[in-house]
Structure formats: structure tokens, C-alpha cells
C-alpha atoms as a PDB file:
ATOM      1  CA  MET A   1      36.466-115.800-109.451  1.00  0.00           C
ATOM      2  CA  ARG A   2      35.353-112.434-110.731  1.00  0.00           C
ATOM      3  CA  ALA A   3      37.344-110.163-108.483  1.00  0.00           C
ATOM      4  CA  LEU A   4      40.009-109.035-110.929  1.00  0.00           C
ATOM      5  CA  LYS A   5      38.760-105.560-111.659  1.00  0.00           C
ATOM      6  CA  TRP A   6      38.406-104.425-108.065  1.00  0.00           C
ATOM      7  CA  LEU A   7      41.718-106.129-107.350  1.00  0.00           C
ATOM      8  CA  LEU A   8      43.414-104.038-110.015  1.00  0.00           C
ATOM      9  CA  GLY A   9      43.895-100.978-107.816  1.00  0.00           C
ATOM     10  CA  GLY A  10      45.517-103.009-105.078  1.00  0.00           C
ATOM     11  CA  VAL A  11      47.633-104.955-107.536  1.00  0.00           C
ATOM     12  CA  VAL A  12      48.905-101.742-109.118  1.00  0.00           C
ATOM     13  CA  ALA A  13      49.978-100.538-105.682  1.00  0.00           C
ATOM     14  CA  VAL A  14      51.785-103.801-105.026  1.00  0.00           C
ATOM     15  CA  VAL A  15      53.448-103.693-108.448  1.00  0.00           C
ATOM     16  CA  VAL A  16      54.648-100.155-107.823  1.00  0.00           C
ATOM     17  CA  ALA A  17      56.051-101.249-104.466  1.00  0.00           C
ATOM     18  CA  GLY A  18      57.989-104.074-106.073  1.00  0.00           C
ATOM     19  CA  THR A  19      57.302-106.099-109.195  1.00  0.00           C
ATOM     20  CA  GLY A  20      59.526-108.890-107.951  1.00  0.00           C
ATOM     21  CA  PHE A  21      57.269-109.412-104.933  1.00  0.00           C
ATOM     22  CA  VAL A  22      54.240-110.035-107.170  1.00  0.00           C
ATOM     23  CA  TYR A  23      56.068-112.708-109.136  1.00  0.00           C
ATOM     24  CA  ALA A  24      57.885-114.268-106.194  1.00  0.00           C
ATOM     25  CA  MET A  25      54.965-114.327-103.746  1.00  0.00           C
ATOM     26  CA  PRO A  26      51.718-114.006-105.741  1.00  0.00           C
ATOM     27  CA  GLU A  27      49.387-115.360-103.043  1.00  0.00           C
ATOM     28  CA  GLN A  28      50.711-112.888-100.483  1.00  0.00           C
ATOM     29  CA  ALA A  29      50.474-110.086-103.047  1.00  0.00           C
ATOM     30  CA  ALA A  30      46.846-110.969-103.765  1.00  0.00           C
ATOM     31  CA  ARG A  31      46.021-110.972-100.049  1.00  0.00           C
ATOM     32  CA  LEU A  32      47.662-107.575 -99.611  1.00  0.00           C
ATOM     33  CA  ALA A  33      45.691-106.194-102.542  1.00  0.00           C
ATOM     34  CA  ILE A  34      42.430-107.513-101.105  1.00  0.00           C
ATOM     35  CA  GLN A  35      43.169-106.041 -97.703  1.00  0.00           C
ATOM     36  CA  ALA A  36      44.025-102.683 -99.253  1.00  0.00           C
ATOM     37  CA  GLU A  37      40.725-102.600-101.153  1.00  0.00           C
ATOM     38  CA  ARG A  38      38.760-103.563 -98.043  1.00  0.00           C
ATOM     39  CA  GLN A  39      40.350-100.716 -96.125  1.00  0.00           C
ATOM     40  CA  ARG A  40      39.606 -98.253 -98.909  1.00  0.00           C
ATOM     41  CA  ALA A  41      35.979 -99.399 -98.856  1.00  0.00           C
ATOM     42  CA  GLY A  42      35.752 -98.977 -95.086  1.00  0.00           C
ATOM     43  CA  LEU A  43      34.931-102.654 -94.608  1.00  0.00           C
ATOM     44  CA  VAL A  44      36.170-105.010 -91.908  1.00  0.00           C
ATOM     45  CA  ARG A  45      36.093-108.810 -92.045  1.00  0.00           C
ATOM     46  CA  LYS A  46      33.931-110.443 -89.377  1.00  0.00           C
ATOM     47  CA  GLU A  47      32.421-113.874 -88.744  1.00  0.00           C
ATOM     48  CA  VAL A  48      29.493-115.406 -86.922  1.00  0.00           C
ATOM     49  CA  ASP A  49      28.070-118.870 -86.265  1.00  0.00           C
ATOM     50  CA  LEU A  50      24.580-119.557 -87.602  1.00  0.00           C
ATOM     51  CA  PRO A  51      21.964-122.228 -86.811  1.00  0.00           C
ATOM     52  CA  GLY A  52      22.601-125.679 -88.229  1.00  0.00           C
ATOM     53  CA  GLY A  53      26.309-125.589 -87.519  1.00  0.00           C
ATOM     54  CA  LEU A  54      27.003-123.102 -90.294  1.00  0.00           C
ATOM     55  CA  HIS A  55      29.739-120.493 -90.179  1.00  0.00           C
ATOM     56  CA  SER A  56      29.407-117.175 -92.007  1.00  0.00           C
ATOM     57  CA  ALA A  57      32.237-114.805 -92.935  1.00  0.00           C
ATOM     58  CA  TYR A  58      31.251-111.292 -93.946  1.00  0.00           C
ATOM     59  CA  LEU A  59      32.460-107.738 -94.442  1.00  0.00           C
ATOM     60  CA  GLU A  60      30.849-104.829 -92.621  1.00  0.00           C
ATOM     61  CA  GLY A  61      31.316-101.079 -92.545  1.00  0.00           C
ATOM     62  CA  GLY A  62      29.531 -97.748 -92.545  1.00  0.00           C
ATOM     63  CA  GLN A  63      26.540 -96.461 -90.635  1.00  0.00           C
ATOM     64  CA  GLY A  64      22.905 -95.919 -91.468  1.00  0.00           C
ATOM     65  CA  GLU A  65      20.174 -98.189 -92.752  1.00  0.00           C
ATOM     66  CA  PRO A  66      21.461-101.739 -93.301  1.00  0.00           C
ATOM     67  CA  LEU A  67      22.237-102.848 -96.849  1.00  0.00           C
ATOM     68  CA  ILE A  68      23.137-106.508 -97.402  1.00  0.00           C
ATOM     69  CA  LEU A  69      24.860-107.251-100.723  1.00  0.00           C
ATOM     70  CA  LEU A  70      24.909-110.804-102.109  1.00  0.00           C
ATOM     71  CA  HIS A  71      27.553-111.985-104.563  1.00  0.00           C
ATOM     72  CA  GLY A  72      26.958-114.215-107.538  1.00  0.00           C
ATOM     73  CA  PHE A  73      27.862-117.767-108.492  1.00  0.00           C
ATOM     74  CA  GLY A  74      31.548-118.609-108.250  1.00  0.00           C
ATOM     75  CA  ALA A  75      32.265-115.309-106.523  1.00  0.00           C
ATOM     76  CA  ASN A  76      32.702-114.083-102.952  1.00  0.00           C
ATOM     77  CA  LYS A  77      32.166-111.101-100.675  1.00  0.00           C
ATOM     78  CA  ASP A  78      35.042-109.123-102.183  1.00  0.00           C
ATOM     79  CA  ASN A  79      33.174-108.667-105.471  1.00  0.00           C
ATOM     80  CA  PHE A  80      31.443-105.605-104.030  1.00  0.00           C
ATOM     81  CA  LEU A  81      34.533-103.804-102.735  1.00  0.00           C
ATOM     82  CA  ARG A  82      34.816-101.156-105.439  1.00  0.00           C
ATOM     83  CA  VAL A  83      31.170-100.127-105.297  1.00  0.00           C
ATOM     84  CA  ALA A  84      30.992-100.461-101.507  1.00  0.00           C
ATOM     85  CA  ARG A  85      33.569 -97.690-101.235  1.00  0.00           C
ATOM     86  CA  GLN A  86      30.882 -95.308-102.500  1.00  0.00           C
ATOM     87  CA  LEU A  87      28.159 -96.752-100.251  1.00  0.00           C
ATOM     88  CA  THR A  88      29.688 -97.025 -96.774  1.00  0.00           C
ATOM     89  CA  PRO A  89      29.502 -93.229 -96.256  1.00  0.00           C
ATOM     90  CA  HIS A  90      25.708 -93.569 -96.492  1.00  0.00           C
ATOM     91  CA  TYR A  91      24.693 -97.013 -95.237  1.00  0.00           C
ATOM     92  CA  ARG A  92      25.675 -99.850 -92.959  1.00  0.00           C
ATOM     93  CA  VAL A  93      26.968-102.205 -95.628  1.00  0.00           C
ATOM     94  CA  ILE A  94      27.149-105.954 -94.951  1.00  0.00           C
ATOM     95  CA  VAL A  95      28.580-108.316 -97.563  1.00  0.00           C
ATOM     96  CA  PRO A  96      28.606-112.029 -96.666  1.00  0.00           C
ATOM     97  CA  ASP A  97      30.179-115.009 -98.300  1.00  0.00           C
ATOM     98  CA  LEU A  98      27.114-117.061 -99.168  1.00  0.00           C
ATOM     99  CA  THR A  99      27.048-120.628 -97.891  1.00  0.00           C
ATOM    100  CA  GLY A 100      29.106-122.716-100.302  1.00  0.00           C
ATOM    101  CA  PHE A 101      31.454-119.882-101.221  1.00  0.00           C
ATOM    102  CA  GLY A 102      34.435-117.932 -99.932  1.00  0.00           C
ATOM    103  CA  GLU A 103      35.219-118.366 -96.259  1.00  0.00           C
ATOM    104  CA  SER A 104      31.741-119.493 -95.211  1.00  0.00           C
ATOM    105  CA  SER A 105      30.712-123.117 -94.638  1.00  0.00           C
ATOM    106  CA  ARG A 106      30.612-125.397 -97.686  1.00  0.00           C
ATOM    107  CA  PRO A 107      28.357-128.344 -96.767  1.00  0.00           C
ATOM    108  CA  ASP A 108      28.519-130.745 -99.692  1.00  0.00           C
ATOM    109  CA  GLY A 109      25.012-132.167 -99.452  1.00  0.00           C
ATOM    110  CA  ALA A 110      23.166-128.964 -98.539  1.00  0.00           C
ATOM    111  CA  ASP A 111      20.165-127.401-100.231  1.00  0.00           C
ATOM    112  CA  TYR A 112      21.526-124.561-102.362  1.00  0.00           C
ATOM    113  CA  MET A 113      18.237-123.519-103.917  1.00  0.00           C
ATOM    114  CA  PRO A 114      17.636-119.749-103.731  1.00  0.00           C
ATOM    115  CA  ALA A 115      14.941-120.076-101.057  1.00  0.00           C
ATOM    116  CA  ALA A 116      17.265-122.053 -98.770  1.00  0.00           C
ATOM    117  CA  GLN A 117      20.072-119.572 -99.319  1.00  0.00           C
ATOM    118  CA  ALA A 118      17.672-116.708 -98.619  1.00  0.00           C
ATOM    119  CA  GLU A 119      16.796-118.223 -95.255  1.00  0.00           C
ATOM    120  CA  ARG A 120      20.498-118.455 -94.421  1.00  0.00           C
ATOM    121  CA  VAL A 121      20.938-114.785 -95.274  1.00  0.00           C
ATOM    122  CA  ARG A 122      17.961-114.029 -93.047  1.00  0.00           C
ATOM    123  CA  ALA A 123      19.596-116.009 -90.234  1.00  0.00           C
ATOM    124  CA  LEU A 124      22.673-113.813 -90.630  1.00  0.00           C
ATOM    125  CA  ALA A 125      20.513-110.685 -90.559  1.00  0.00           C
ATOM    126  CA  GLN A 126      18.817-111.862 -87.380  1.00  0.00           C
ATOM    127  CA  ALA A 127      22.172-112.703 -85.792  1.00  0.00           C
ATOM    128  CA  LEU A 128      23.190-109.096 -86.476  1.00  0.00           C
ATOM    129  CA  GLY A 129      19.969-107.756 -84.981  1.00  0.00           C
ATOM    130  CA  LEU A 130      18.449-106.617 -88.277  1.00  0.00           C
ATOM    131  CA  ARG A 131      14.684-106.716 -88.642  1.00  0.00           C
ATOM    132  CA  ARG A 132      14.200-104.639 -91.798  1.00  0.00           C
ATOM    133  CA  LEU A 133      16.854-104.085 -94.427  1.00  0.00           C
ATOM    134  CA  HIS A 134      17.715-103.239 -98.004  1.00  0.00           C
ATOM    135  CA  LEU A 135      18.998-106.054-100.210  1.00  0.00           C
ATOM    136  CA  GLY A 136      21.225-106.077-103.265  1.00  0.00           C
ATOM    137  CA  GLY A 137      22.464-108.977-105.307  1.00  0.00           C
ATOM    138  CA  SER A 138      24.525-109.827-108.364  1.00  0.00           C
ATOM    139  CA  SER A 139      23.505-112.690-110.652  1.00  0.00           C
ATOM    140  CA  MET A 140      22.689-115.658-108.372  1.00  0.00           C
ATOM    141  CA  GLY A 141      22.810-113.219-105.446  1.00  0.00           C
ATOM    142  CA  GLY A 142      20.029-111.215-107.074  1.00  0.00           C
ATOM    143  CA  GLN A 143      17.963-114.379-107.380  1.00  0.00           C
ATOM    144  CA  ILE A 144      18.508-115.041-103.677  1.00  0.00           C
ATOM    145  CA  ALA A 145      17.602-111.436-102.808  1.00  0.00           C
ATOM    146  CA  MET A 146      14.325-111.765-104.707  1.00  0.00           C
ATOM    147  CA  SER A 147      13.590-115.037-102.923  1.00  0.00           C
ATOM    148  CA  TYR A 148      14.148-113.300 -99.578  1.00  0.00           C
ATOM    149  CA  ALA A 149      11.706-110.534-100.552  1.00  0.00           C
ATOM    150  CA  VAL A 150       9.078-113.043-101.679  1.00  0.00           C
ATOM    151  CA  LEU A 151       9.381-115.076 -98.482  1.00  0.00           C
ATOM    152  CA  HIS A 152       9.574-112.090 -96.103  1.00  0.00           C
ATOM    153  CA  PRO A 153       8.219-109.021 -97.917  1.00  0.00           C
ATOM    154  CA  ASP A 154       7.704-106.980 -94.754  1.00  0.00           C
ATOM    155  CA  GLU A 155      11.404-107.274 -93.907  1.00  0.00           C
ATOM    156  CA  VAL A 156      12.811-105.988 -97.214  1.00  0.00           C
ATOM    157  CA  ALA A 157      12.688-102.229 -97.789  1.00  0.00           C
ATOM    158  CA  SER A 158      14.126-102.307-101.322  1.00  0.00           C
ATOM    159  CA  LEU A 159      15.922-104.485-103.871  1.00  0.00           C
ATOM    160  CA  TRP A 160      18.958-103.727-106.039  1.00  0.00           C
ATOM    161  CA  LEU A 161      19.310-106.391-108.719  1.00  0.00           C
ATOM    162  CA  LEU A 162      22.453-106.505-110.863  1.00  0.00           C
ATOM    163  CA  ASP A 163      22.010-108.865-113.828  1.00  0.00           C
ATOM    164  CA  PRO A 164      20.042-111.246-111.566  1.00  0.00           C
ATOM    165  CA  ALA A 165      19.453-114.910-112.275  1.00  0.00           C
ATOM    166  CA  GLY A 166      16.065-116.592-111.972  1.00  0.00           C
ATOM    167  CA  VAL A 167      14.364-115.156-115.077  1.00  0.00           C
ATOM    168  CA  TRP A 168      14.577-117.813-117.734  1.00  0.00           C
ATOM    169  CA  SER A 169      11.822-116.921-120.247  1.00  0.00           C
ATOM    170  CA  ALA A 170      13.983-114.339-122.036  1.00  0.00           C
ATOM    171  CA  PRO A 171      16.137-115.362-125.020  1.00  0.00           C
ATOM    172  CA  ARG A 172      18.876-117.805-124.140  1.00  0.00           C
ATOM    173  CA  SER A 173      22.263-116.258-123.429  1.00  0.00           C
ATOM    174  CA  GLU A 174      25.615-117.265-124.862  1.00  0.00           C
ATOM    175  CA  LEU A 175      26.268-119.177-121.646  1.00  0.00           C
ATOM    176  CA  GLY A 176      22.980-121.006-122.082  1.00  0.00           C
ATOM    177  CA  ASP A 177      23.815-121.923-125.664  1.00  0.00           C
ATOM    178  CA  ILE A 178      27.212-123.316-124.672  1.00  0.00           C
ATOM    179  CA  TYR A 179      25.824-125.243-121.716  1.00  0.00           C
ATOM    180  CA  VAL A 180      22.914-126.768-123.642  1.00  0.00           C
ATOM    181  CA  THR A 181      24.869-127.721-126.748  1.00  0.00           C
ATOM    182  CA  THR A 182      28.135-128.905-125.176  1.00  0.00           C
ATOM    183  CA  GLY A 183      27.420-129.519-121.487  1.00  0.00           C
ATOM    184  CA  ARG A 184      30.382-127.294-120.605  1.00  0.00           C
ATOM    185  CA  ASN A 185      29.912-124.541-118.036  1.00  0.00           C
ATOM    186  CA  PRO A 186      32.131-121.500-118.765  1.00  0.00           C
ATOM    187  CA  LEU A 187      31.591-120.307-115.183  1.00  0.00           C
ATOM    188  CA  VAL A 188      33.238-123.347-113.564  1.00  0.00           C
ATOM    189  CA  ALA A 189      37.023-123.537-113.822  1.00  0.00           C
ATOM    190  CA  HIS A 190      38.790-126.880-113.492  1.00  0.00           C
ATOM    191  CA  ASN A 191      42.240-125.500-114.321  1.00  0.00           C
ATOM    192  CA  GLU A 192      44.058-122.184-114.614  1.00  0.00           C
ATOM    193  CA  ALA A 193      43.365-121.792-118.329  1.00  0.00           C
ATOM    194  CA  GLU A 194      39.623-122.189-117.766  1.00  0.00           C
ATOM    195  CA  PHE A 195      39.770-119.643-114.944  1.00  0.00           C
ATOM    196  CA  ALA A 196      41.284-117.075-117.312  1.00  0.00           C
ATOM    197  CA  GLU A 197      38.538-117.869-119.829  1.00  0.00           C
ATOM    198  CA  THR A 198      35.892-117.332-117.154  1.00  0.00           C
ATOM    199  CA  ILE A 199      37.243-113.867-116.369  1.00  0.00           C
ATOM    200  CA  ALA A 200      37.076-112.937-120.045  1.00  0.00           C
ATOM    201  CA  PHE A 201      33.561-114.354-120.296  1.00  0.00           C
ATOM    202  CA  VAL A 202      31.931-112.446-117.441  1.00  0.00           C
ATOM    203  CA  MET A 203      33.352-108.979-118.100  1.00  0.00           C
ATOM    204  CA  SER A 204      33.138-106.922-121.264  1.00  0.00           C
ATOM    205  CA  ASP A 205      36.569-105.330-120.775  1.00  0.00           C
ATOM    206  CA  PRO A 206      38.670-107.370-118.334  1.00  0.00           C
ATOM    207  CA  PRO A 207      41.678-105.460-116.999  1.00  0.00           C
ATOM    208  CA  PHE A 208      45.266-106.607-117.071  1.00  0.00           C
ATOM    209  CA  VAL A 209      46.452-108.313-113.910  1.00  0.00           C
ATOM    210  CA  PRO A 210      49.877-110.007-113.641  1.00  0.00           C
ATOM    211  CA  GLY A 211      49.790-113.695-114.498  1.00  0.00           C
ATOM    212  CA  PRO A 212      51.030-114.899-111.095  1.00  0.00           C
ATOM    213  CA  ILE A 213      48.145-113.063-109.392  1.00  0.00           C
ATOM    214  CA  VAL A 214      45.622-114.667-111.735  1.00  0.00           C
ATOM    215  CA  LYS A 215      47.190-118.060-111.051  1.00  0.00           C
ATOM    216  CA  ALA A 216      46.940-117.523-107.298  1.00  0.00           C
ATOM    217  CA  MET A 217      43.300-116.462-107.570  1.00  0.00           C
ATOM    218  CA  ALA A 218      42.451-119.526-109.643  1.00  0.00           C
ATOM    219  CA  GLN A 219      43.310-122.070-106.972  1.00  0.00           C
ATOM    220  CA  GLU A 220      40.198-121.740-104.792  1.00  0.00           C
ATOM    221  CA  PRO A 221      37.629-122.079-107.618  1.00  0.00           C
ATOM    222  CA  ILE A 222      39.582-125.010-109.043  1.00  0.00           C
ATOM    223  CA  ARG A 223      39.488-126.794-105.669  1.00  0.00           C
ATOM    224  CA  ASN A 224      35.754-126.199-105.354  1.00  0.00           C
ATOM    225  CA  ALA A 225      34.722-126.995-108.929  1.00  0.00           C
ATOM    226  CA  ALA A 226      32.747-130.143-108.032  1.00  0.00           C
ATOM    227  CA  LEU A 227      30.615-128.345-105.437  1.00  0.00           C
ATOM    228  CA  ALA A 228      30.195-125.401-107.811  1.00  0.00           C
ATOM    229  CA  GLU A 229      28.711-127.692-110.458  1.00  0.00           C
ATOM    230  CA  LYS A 230      26.156-128.984-107.932  1.00  0.00           C
ATOM    231  CA  ILE A 231      25.190-125.473-106.830  1.00  0.00           C
ATOM    232  CA  PHE A 232      24.843-124.297-110.434  1.00  0.00           C
ATOM    233  CA  LYS A 233      22.421-127.097-111.291  1.00  0.00           C
ATOM    234  CA  GLN A 234      20.281-126.293-108.257  1.00  0.00           C
ATOM    235  CA  PHE A 235      19.835-122.553-108.627  1.00  0.00           C
ATOM    236  CA  THR A 236      19.428-122.603-112.408  1.00  0.00           C
ATOM    237  CA  ALA A 237      16.574-125.099-112.006  1.00  0.00           C
ATOM    238  CA  ASP A 238      14.566-122.464-110.128  1.00  0.00           C
ATOM    239  CA  SER A 239      12.497-119.847-111.968  1.00  0.00           C
ATOM    240  CA  LEU A 240      11.273-116.927-109.895  1.00  0.00           C
ATOM    241  CA  GLU A 241       9.011-115.360-112.495  1.00  0.00           C
ATOM    242  CA  GLY A 242       5.768-116.763-111.143  1.00  0.00           C
ATOM    243  CA  ARG A 243       6.649-115.967-107.541  1.00  0.00           C
ATOM    244  CA  VAL A 244       7.899-112.399-107.976  1.00  0.00           C
ATOM    245  CA  LYS A 245       5.017-111.274-110.177  1.00  0.00           C
ATOM    246  CA  GLY A 246       3.311-108.382-108.427  1.00  0.00           C
ATOM    247  CA  LEU A 247       5.960-108.063-105.689  1.00  0.00           C
ATOM    248  CA  ALA A 248       5.578-104.498-104.428  1.00  0.00           C
ATOM    249  CA  THR A 249       9.113-104.003-103.101  1.00  0.00           C
ATOM    250  CA  PRO A 250      10.776-100.926-104.681  1.00  0.00           C
ATOM    251  CA  THR A 251      13.402-102.343-107.027  1.00  0.00           C
ATOM    252  CA  LEU A 252      16.288-101.053-109.117  1.00  0.00           C
ATOM    253  CA  ILE A 253      17.252-103.461-111.916  1.00  0.00           C
ATOM    254  CA  VAL A 254      20.619-102.964-113.616  1.00  0.00           C
ATOM    255  CA  TRP A 255      21.879-104.870-116.655  1.00  0.00           C
ATOM    256  CA  GLY A 256      24.972-104.723-118.831  1.00  0.00           C
ATOM    257  CA  ASP A 257      24.053-104.823-122.498  1.00  0.00           C
ATOM    258  CA  GLN A 258      27.083-107.045-123.219  1.00  0.00           C
ATOM    259  CA  ASP A 259      26.102-109.693-120.651  1.00  0.00           C
ATOM    260  CA  ARG A 260      27.006-113.120-122.025  1.00  0.00           C
ATOM    261  CA  VAL A 261      25.847-114.971-118.896  1.00  0.00           C
ATOM    262  CA  ILE A 262      22.177-113.903-118.692  1.00  0.00           C
ATOM    263  CA  HIS A 263      20.517-112.253-121.687  1.00  0.00           C
ATOM    264  CA  VAL A 264      20.003-108.505-121.321  1.00  0.00           C
ATOM    265  CA  ASP A 265      16.345-108.879-122.366  1.00  0.00           C
ATOM    266  CA  SER A 266      15.760-110.565-119.003  1.00  0.00           C
ATOM    267  CA  GLY A 267      15.768-107.092-117.484  1.00  0.00           C
ATOM    268  CA  ALA A 268      12.675-106.029-119.405  1.00  0.00           C
ATOM    269  CA  VAL A 269      10.931-109.287-118.492  1.00  0.00           C
ATOM    270  CA  LEU A 270      11.633-108.689-114.821  1.00  0.00           C
ATOM    271  CA  GLN A 271      10.611-105.048-114.958  1.00  0.00           C
ATOM    272  CA  LYS A 272       7.157-106.045-116.217  1.00  0.00           C
ATOM    273  CA  LEU A 273       6.750-108.466-113.317  1.00  0.00           C
ATOM    274  CA  LEU A 274       7.693-105.959-110.594  1.00  0.00           C
ATOM    275  CA  PRO A 275       5.239-103.029-110.465  1.00  0.00           C
ATOM    276  CA  ARG A 276       7.568-100.725-108.508  1.00  0.00           C
ATOM    277  CA  SER A 277      10.733-101.379-110.475  1.00  0.00           C
ATOM    278  CA  GLN A 278      12.938 -99.359-112.779  1.00  0.00           C
ATOM    279  CA  LEU A 279      15.478-100.692-115.262  1.00  0.00           C
ATOM    280  CA  ILE A 280      18.872 -99.259-116.187  1.00  0.00           C
ATOM    281  CA  VAL A 281      20.787-100.857-119.068  1.00  0.00           C
ATOM    282  CA  MET A 282      24.495 -99.994-119.110  1.00  0.00           C
ATOM    283  CA  PRO A 283      26.097 -99.897-122.566  1.00  0.00           C
ATOM    284  CA  GLY A 284      29.421-101.644-123.008  1.00  0.00           C
ATOM    285  CA  VAL A 285      29.102-103.530-119.721  1.00  0.00           C
ATOM    286  CA  GLY A 286      29.094-107.275-119.177  1.00  0.00           C
ATOM    287  CA  HIS A 287      27.673-109.369-116.352  1.00  0.00           C
ATOM    288  CA  LEU A 288      29.179-107.402-113.448  1.00  0.00           C
ATOM    289  CA  PRO A 289      28.178-103.717-113.475  1.00  0.00           C
ATOM    290  CA  MET A 290      29.305-103.102-109.898  1.00  0.00           C
ATOM    291  CA  ILE A 291      32.828-104.191-110.853  1.00  0.00           C
ATOM    292  CA  GLU A 292      32.980-102.845-114.396  1.00  0.00           C
ATOM    293  CA  ARG A 293      31.298 -99.494-113.606  1.00  0.00           C
ATOM    294  CA  PRO A 294      31.469 -99.064-109.815  1.00  0.00           C
ATOM    295  CA  GLN A 295      30.995 -95.287-109.769  1.00  0.00           C
ATOM    296  CA  GLN A 296      28.021 -95.318-112.126  1.00  0.00           C
ATOM    297  CA  SER A 297      26.493 -98.263-110.272  1.00  0.00           C
ATOM    298  CA  ALA A 298      26.821 -96.442-106.960  1.00  0.00           C
ATOM    299  CA  ASP A 299      25.490 -93.152-108.333  1.00  0.00           C
ATOM    300  CA  ASP A 300      22.435 -94.869-109.814  1.00  0.00           C
ATOM    301  CA  TYR A 301      21.785 -96.684-106.560  1.00  0.00           C
ATOM    302  CA  LEU A 302      22.129 -93.555-104.436  1.00  0.00           C
ATOM    303  CA  ARG A 303      19.600 -91.763-106.664  1.00  0.00           C
ATOM    304  CA  PHE A 304      17.246 -94.723-106.392  1.00  0.00           C
ATOM    305  CA  ARG A 305      17.481 -94.754-102.608  1.00  0.00           C
ATOM    306  CA  ALA A 306      17.049 -90.988-102.360  1.00  0.00           C
ATOM    307  CA  ALA A 307      13.741 -91.264-104.214  1.00  0.00           C
ATOM    308  CA  LEU A 308      12.235 -93.884-101.894  1.00  0.00           C
END
């Protein structure tokens, strides 16, 4: 849902190669753009079967200490492509589609609470032979990463939290106001027009992408809107504040000051709860720093890791 900005580079290449191709075959053009960005990031698509009959698709590349990156609600593994390009020279980067999203299993009646999702991520880590790792997460993915660290603190070397969910005592965001007063969720698209609105909502400065590409990208979230609504209700019902208080895992918290999804003041709330955390607020950035400011996000993270 939120992959437009990283897709831009690949789309530009496709447009240069032939504008007619983009308009005649938008789905193929989008796939080519995704593949080009994966290659530039040094990531390869892989898959593995997990306990409980689940199937997990993920991207992997680079060498070094393992870093698992978890996407947010309505997103998928490709959300981290632009920032991963700066990270694979330093770390073994693994980016899964969380259960319920992307190419991974989508069991309709499953438990999608952050703790359950964290255990599924741990099952993936164990399937890959990882015993201790670094975790990063965007939005809902950050909430899941924190849950993992709370449940298995000895297995998590550090946390990188990008506008994470799970901290609800801060002032209500614009998303919260809309959802409470109207019952409408701007993050769930039921048609192509709503998908375009979602893109504008989550990023401060959405880039231009040809309309046919946007239309092609909208189809998957539209098909999965009903499941997305169920997942949203589950993870937003969970507050992590009481459980993460005092968690000693070294943590970098990043927030865009133009975030309309989760109020920027949530960052300060979380920083007070985590004794070994630092907070970076990015001016002019919305809910997705790793997409809107990939180079700055990577540079900040590399400095954080170097200081551990």
C-alpha cells in the first residue's frame, strides 16, 4: 500500500524505457520496478514453511549480524527496499511479509495480536538459524518488534522503531480522530480512489507515479480489505506501554513530525519508558521515514549501531 516512493526509481526507469509499456501493461511494469529495486538493494526473494501450516515469503541479502525488518499495517516486505540498499553492505538483512500480508499466509481467523505475530517472526528466525538478532519495525511492525523484545529479551540485541504503534496515551492523531468520529479507516482501501487517498495520508510529500501503476498497486489491498479491518482492530486494541516500561534493549526511536497516523508526541512517551532509548524527530516527514528519507534513516541507524 505504501510502496510508491521506493517504487519511484524503478518506475522512472520503466517510463524512460517506454511510456507506452507503463500504460499498456501496468501490472508488469510494477513488477519490473519492484524487481529492479530489490536488485539495487541486494535482496533476493525467498520462502519457507513455518509451524502451524504457515508459509512465509521474505527478502534476504547482505552479510553480518542479522537484522530483521518488519513492515507496517497494509504494507509488505518491499517497504524497506530503499533503506535496505544502505544496510545490506553492513548486515544480513531479512525482511518478511508478516502473516496476513503480502505473499505470506493469510489465515482469516488467526490471532493477529502483536504477541502472536512476534512469535511467528521468531519462528521464522529459528527456521533461518538465528538465535540473537537486531529488530526494526515500522508502525505496526514496530509494535510487533517491541512485543518480541518483551517476550524474548535475551534474543534481541537492539530495536529500531519507526513511528511504532502500541503507544496510545499520547494525543490522538488525525487518523484516530477520523476513526473515532466517523468509523472510517483511512488506511484501508476499498476502491482505487481510497487507495490514492491512503498514499496521500501516510506520506508528507507523496511522489508522482503514473496512474496505471497506482491502479495496479491498489488491487491487492482492495481484495484484502475485509481481513485488513480485522487485523487493524486487533493490533490497535493492544497497548504496550505497561509491558515495555523498563525494557533494557538499546533502542533507536524515529518519528516524522508530520505523522498523521500516530501522533509524533508518542515518541517522547516511548522514550521515557525505555531507559536505553534515543529519539530522533524528522522534520517534514510523515509516517514512513524509511521511505520518505531513506538515506537519513540509514545514516541515523548506522550511527546508532556503531555506538552499541
